[in-house]
Amino acid sequence: MPLDQDLDNEEEGTGGEMSFIGHLEELRWHVIRAGGSILVFAILAFVYIKEIYHYVLLRLLSLTSGRTECFVSLLIKLAMTICVLNR
């Protein structure tokens, strides 16, 4: 049940049942809120892409410092690919 829906539907007198149009209205608002959240986080990620990129890359390189060079080179190639795609 959505958070903005009342538990007591005394004024409607339908016993808490929603019509098909009511369900579509709820779905529409859920889709709008989800889309808005995705848009906000996408904008924030776009604004802070360099910080996110450096944090993730440095974290991955620090985790693999004692491991084989093959894995590190794979991570560097992945990071370079991400960098090229963001241009």
N, C-alpha and C. Protein backbone atom coordinates (compact mmCIF):
# COMPACT_ATOMS: atom_id res chain seq x y z
N MET A 1 0.85 -1.17 0.00
CA MET A 1 0.00 0.00 0.00
C MET A 1 0.90 1.23 0.00
N PRO A 2 0.62 2.23 -0.83
CA PRO A 2 1.42 3.44 -0.86
C PRO A 2 1.34 4.19 0.46
N LEU A 3 2.39 4.93 0.76
CA LEU A 3 2.46 5.64 2.02
C LEU A 3 1.45 6.78 2.10
N ASP A 4 1.09 7.35 0.96
CA ASP A 4 0.19 8.50 0.97
C ASP A 4 -1.28 8.10 0.91
N GLN A 5 -1.56 6.83 1.04
CA GLN A 5 -2.94 6.35 0.98
C GLN A 5 -3.47 6.19 2.40
N ASP A 6 -4.66 6.68 2.64
CA ASP A 6 -5.27 6.58 3.97
C ASP A 6 -5.66 5.15 4.26
N LEU A 7 -5.52 4.76 5.54
CA LEU A 7 -5.92 3.42 5.93
C LEU A 7 -7.42 3.30 6.10
N ASP A 8 -8.06 4.41 6.50
CA ASP A 8 -9.51 4.36 6.68
C ASP A 8 -10.18 5.10 5.53
N ASN A 9 -10.93 4.36 4.75
CA ASN A 9 -11.63 4.94 3.61
C ASN A 9 -13.12 5.06 3.92
N GLU A 10 -13.42 5.72 5.04
CA GLU A 10 -14.81 5.84 5.46
C GLU A 10 -15.59 6.73 4.51
N GLU A 11 -14.92 7.76 3.95
CA GLU A 11 -15.65 8.70 3.11
C GLU A 11 -16.02 8.08 1.76
N GLU A 12 -15.25 7.11 1.29
CA GLU A 12 -15.56 6.48 0.01
C GLU A 12 -16.64 5.42 0.16
N GLY A 13 -16.62 4.71 1.26
CA GLY A 13 -17.63 3.69 1.50
C GLY A 13 -17.45 2.45 0.64
N THR A 14 -16.26 2.24 0.07
CA THR A 14 -16.05 1.09 -0.80
C THR A 14 -15.32 -0.03 -0.08
N GLY A 15 -15.04 0.15 1.19
CA GLY A 15 -14.37 -0.91 1.93
C GLY A 15 -12.89 -0.99 1.63
N GLY A 16 -12.27 0.08 1.16
CA GLY A 16 -10.83 0.10 0.93
C GLY A 16 -10.41 -0.40 -0.45
N GLU A 17 -11.33 -0.67 -1.33
CA GLU A 17 -10.98 -1.14 -2.66
C GLU A 17 -10.79 0.06 -3.59
N MET A 18 -9.80 -0.06 -4.49
CA MET A 18 -9.54 1.00 -5.45
C MET A 18 -10.04 0.57 -6.82
N SER A 19 -10.46 1.53 -7.59
CA SER A 19 -10.88 1.24 -8.96
C SER A 19 -9.64 1.08 -9.84
N PHE A 20 -9.86 0.64 -11.05
CA PHE A 20 -8.76 0.49 -12.00
C PHE A 20 -8.09 1.83 -12.26
N ILE A 21 -8.89 2.88 -12.40
CA ILE A 21 -8.35 4.22 -12.63
C ILE A 21 -7.55 4.68 -11.41
N GLY A 22 -8.01 4.33 -10.21
CA GLY A 22 -7.27 4.66 -9.00
C GLY A 22 -5.90 3.99 -8.97
N HIS A 23 -5.86 2.74 -9.40
CA HIS A 23 -4.58 2.03 -9.47
C HIS A 23 -3.66 2.66 -10.51
N LEU A 24 -4.22 3.06 -11.64
CA LEU A 24 -3.40 3.73 -12.66
C LEU A 24 -2.86 5.06 -12.15
N GLU A 25 -3.66 5.78 -11.39
CA GLU A 25 -3.21 7.05 -10.80
C GLU A 25 -2.05 6.82 -9.83
N GLU A 26 -2.17 5.80 -8.99
CA GLU A 26 -1.08 5.46 -8.07
C GLU A 26 0.18 5.06 -8.82
N LEU A 27 0.01 4.25 -9.86
CA LEU A 27 1.15 3.84 -10.68
C LEU A 27 1.82 5.04 -11.32
N ARG A 28 1.02 5.97 -11.81
CA ARG A 28 1.57 7.17 -12.45
C ARG A 28 2.43 7.96 -11.47
N TRP A 29 1.94 8.14 -10.25
CA TRP A 29 2.71 8.90 -9.27
C TRP A 29 3.98 8.15 -8.85
N HIS A 30 3.92 6.84 -8.76
CA HIS A 30 5.12 6.07 -8.43
C HIS A 30 6.15 6.20 -9.54
N VAL A 31 5.71 6.15 -10.78
CA VAL A 31 6.63 6.28 -11.92
C VAL A 31 7.22 7.69 -11.95
N ILE A 32 6.43 8.70 -11.67
CA ILE A 32 6.94 10.08 -11.66
C ILE A 32 7.97 10.25 -10.56
N ARG A 33 7.70 9.72 -9.37
CA ARG A 33 8.67 9.85 -8.27
C ARG A 33 9.95 9.08 -8.57
N ALA A 34 9.82 7.88 -9.13
CA ALA A 34 11.00 7.09 -9.46
C ALA A 34 11.83 7.78 -10.54
N GLY A 35 11.17 8.29 -11.56
CA GLY A 35 11.87 9.00 -12.62
C GLY A 35 12.55 10.26 -12.11
N GLY A 36 11.88 10.97 -11.22
CA GLY A 36 12.49 12.17 -10.63
C GLY A 36 13.71 11.83 -9.80
N SER A 37 13.64 10.74 -9.05
CA SER A 37 14.80 10.32 -8.25
C SER A 37 15.97 9.93 -9.14
N ILE A 38 15.69 9.20 -10.20
CA ILE A 38 16.76 8.81 -11.13
C ILE A 38 17.36 10.04 -11.77
N LEU A 39 16.53 11.00 -12.15
CA LEU A 39 17.02 12.23 -12.77
C LEU A 39 17.91 13.02 -11.81
N VAL A 40 17.49 13.16 -10.56
CA VAL A 40 18.28 13.89 -9.58
C VAL A 40 19.64 13.23 -9.36
N PHE A 41 19.65 11.90 -9.20
CA PHE A 41 20.92 11.21 -8.98
C PHE A 41 21.79 11.22 -10.23
N ALA A 42 21.19 11.21 -11.41
CA ALA A 42 21.98 11.29 -12.65
C ALA A 42 22.63 12.66 -12.77
N ILE A 43 21.91 13.71 -12.41
CA ILE A 43 22.49 15.06 -12.45
C ILE A 43 23.62 15.18 -11.45
N LEU A 44 23.41 14.67 -10.23
CA LEU A 44 24.47 14.72 -9.22
C LEU A 44 25.70 13.92 -9.66
N ALA A 45 25.48 12.76 -10.26
CA ALA A 45 26.60 11.96 -10.74
C ALA A 45 27.33 12.68 -11.87
N PHE A 46 26.60 13.37 -12.73
CA PHE A 46 27.23 14.12 -13.81
C PHE A 46 28.06 15.28 -13.28
N VAL A 47 27.54 15.97 -12.27
CA VAL A 47 28.26 17.11 -11.69
C VAL A 47 29.53 16.65 -10.98
N TYR A 48 29.46 15.53 -10.26
CA TYR A 48 30.59 15.06 -9.46
C TYR A 48 31.29 13.86 -10.10
N ILE A 49 31.30 13.77 -11.43
CA ILE A 49 31.85 12.59 -12.10
C ILE A 49 33.34 12.42 -11.82
N LYS A 50 34.09 13.50 -11.77
CA LYS A 50 35.54 13.37 -11.53
C LYS A 50 35.82 12.85 -10.13
N GLU A 51 35.10 13.36 -9.15
CA GLU A 51 35.29 12.90 -7.78
C GLU A 51 34.91 11.43 -7.63
N ILE A 52 33.81 11.05 -8.22
CA ILE A 52 33.37 9.65 -8.17
C ILE A 52 34.39 8.76 -8.88
N TYR A 53 34.83 9.19 -10.04
CA TYR A 53 35.80 8.43 -10.82
C TYR A 53 37.10 8.22 -10.05
N HIS A 54 37.63 9.31 -9.49
CA HIS A 54 38.89 9.19 -8.75
C HIS A 54 38.73 8.35 -7.49
N TYR A 55 37.61 8.50 -6.80
CA TYR A 55 37.39 7.71 -5.60
C TYR A 55 37.32 6.22 -5.92
N VAL A 56 36.56 5.87 -6.96
CA VAL A 56 36.40 4.46 -7.31
C VAL A 56 37.71 3.89 -7.84
N LEU A 57 38.38 4.62 -8.73
CA LEU A 57 39.62 4.13 -9.31
C LEU A 57 40.70 3.97 -8.25
N LEU A 58 40.85 4.96 -7.39
CA LEU A 58 41.88 4.86 -6.35
C LEU A 58 41.56 3.75 -5.36
N ARG A 59 40.30 3.55 -5.06
CA ARG A 59 39.91 2.47 -4.16
C ARG A 59 40.23 1.11 -4.79
N LEU A 60 39.95 0.94 -6.08
CA LEU A 60 40.24 -0.32 -6.75
C LEU A 60 41.74 -0.57 -6.83
N LEU A 61 42.49 0.47 -7.14
CA LEU A 61 43.94 0.29 -7.23
C LEU A 61 44.56 0.00 -5.87
N SER A 62 44.04 0.59 -4.81
CA SER A 62 44.59 0.30 -3.48
C SER A 62 44.24 -1.12 -3.03
N LEU A 63 43.10 -1.63 -3.45
CA LEU A 63 42.72 -2.99 -3.09
C LEU A 63 43.56 -4.04 -3.82
N THR A 64 44.05 -3.69 -5.00
CA THR A 64 44.80 -4.65 -5.81
C THR A 64 46.30 -4.42 -5.76
N SER A 65 46.80 -3.66 -4.80
CA SER A 65 48.22 -3.30 -4.79
C SER A 65 49.12 -4.51 -4.58
N GLY A 66 48.70 -5.52 -3.85
CA GLY A 66 49.54 -6.68 -3.60
C GLY A 66 49.26 -7.85 -4.51
N ARG A 67 48.42 -7.65 -5.49
CA ARG A 67 48.02 -8.77 -6.35
C ARG A 67 48.77 -8.70 -7.68
N THR A 68 48.41 -9.58 -8.58
CA THR A 68 49.14 -9.68 -9.84
C THR A 68 48.96 -8.45 -10.70
N GLU A 69 49.94 -8.21 -11.55
CA GLU A 69 49.90 -7.04 -12.42
C GLU A 69 48.85 -7.19 -13.51
N CYS A 70 48.51 -8.40 -13.85
CA CYS A 70 47.50 -8.64 -14.88
C CYS A 70 46.15 -8.06 -14.46
N PHE A 71 45.76 -8.27 -13.22
CA PHE A 71 44.50 -7.76 -12.73
C PHE A 71 44.51 -6.25 -12.66
N VAL A 72 45.64 -5.68 -12.25
CA VAL A 72 45.76 -4.22 -12.17
C VAL A 72 45.67 -3.62 -13.57
N SER A 73 46.33 -4.24 -14.54
CA SER A 73 46.26 -3.69 -15.88
C SER A 73 44.84 -3.78 -16.44
N LEU A 74 44.12 -4.82 -16.08
CA LEU A 74 42.74 -4.94 -16.50
C LEU A 74 41.89 -3.81 -15.90
N LEU A 75 42.11 -3.50 -14.63
CA LEU A 75 41.39 -2.41 -13.99
C LEU A 75 41.73 -1.06 -14.62
N ILE A 76 43.00 -0.87 -14.95
CA ILE A 76 43.41 0.39 -15.58
C ILE A 76 42.77 0.52 -16.96
N LYS A 77 42.71 -0.56 -17.71
CA LYS A 77 42.05 -0.52 -19.02
C LYS A 77 40.56 -0.21 -18.86
N LEU A 78 39.94 -0.79 -17.85
CA LEU A 78 38.53 -0.50 -17.59
C LEU A 78 38.34 0.97 -17.24
N ALA A 79 39.20 1.50 -16.41
CA ALA A 79 39.11 2.91 -16.03
C ALA A 79 39.33 3.83 -17.23
N MET A 80 40.27 3.47 -18.09
CA MET A 80 40.52 4.28 -19.27
C MET A 80 39.31 4.24 -20.21
N THR A 81 38.67 3.11 -20.32
CA THR A 81 37.48 2.98 -21.14
C THR A 81 36.36 3.85 -20.59
N ILE A 82 36.18 3.85 -19.30
CA ILE A 82 35.16 4.68 -18.67
C ILE A 82 35.47 6.15 -18.92
N CYS A 83 36.74 6.51 -18.81
CA CYS A 83 37.15 7.89 -19.02
C CYS A 83 36.86 8.34 -20.45
N VAL A 84 37.15 7.47 -21.41
CA VAL A 84 36.91 7.79 -22.82
C VAL A 84 35.41 7.92 -23.09
N LEU A 85 34.61 7.07 -22.48
CA LEU A 85 33.17 7.14 -22.69
C LEU A 85 32.55 8.39 -22.08
N ASN A 86 33.17 8.97 -21.05
CA ASN A 86 32.63 10.16 -20.40
C ASN A 86 33.01 11.45 -21.11
N ARG A 87 33.79 11.38 -22.14
CA ARG A 87 34.17 12.62 -22.85
C ARG A 87 33.12 13.06 -23.75
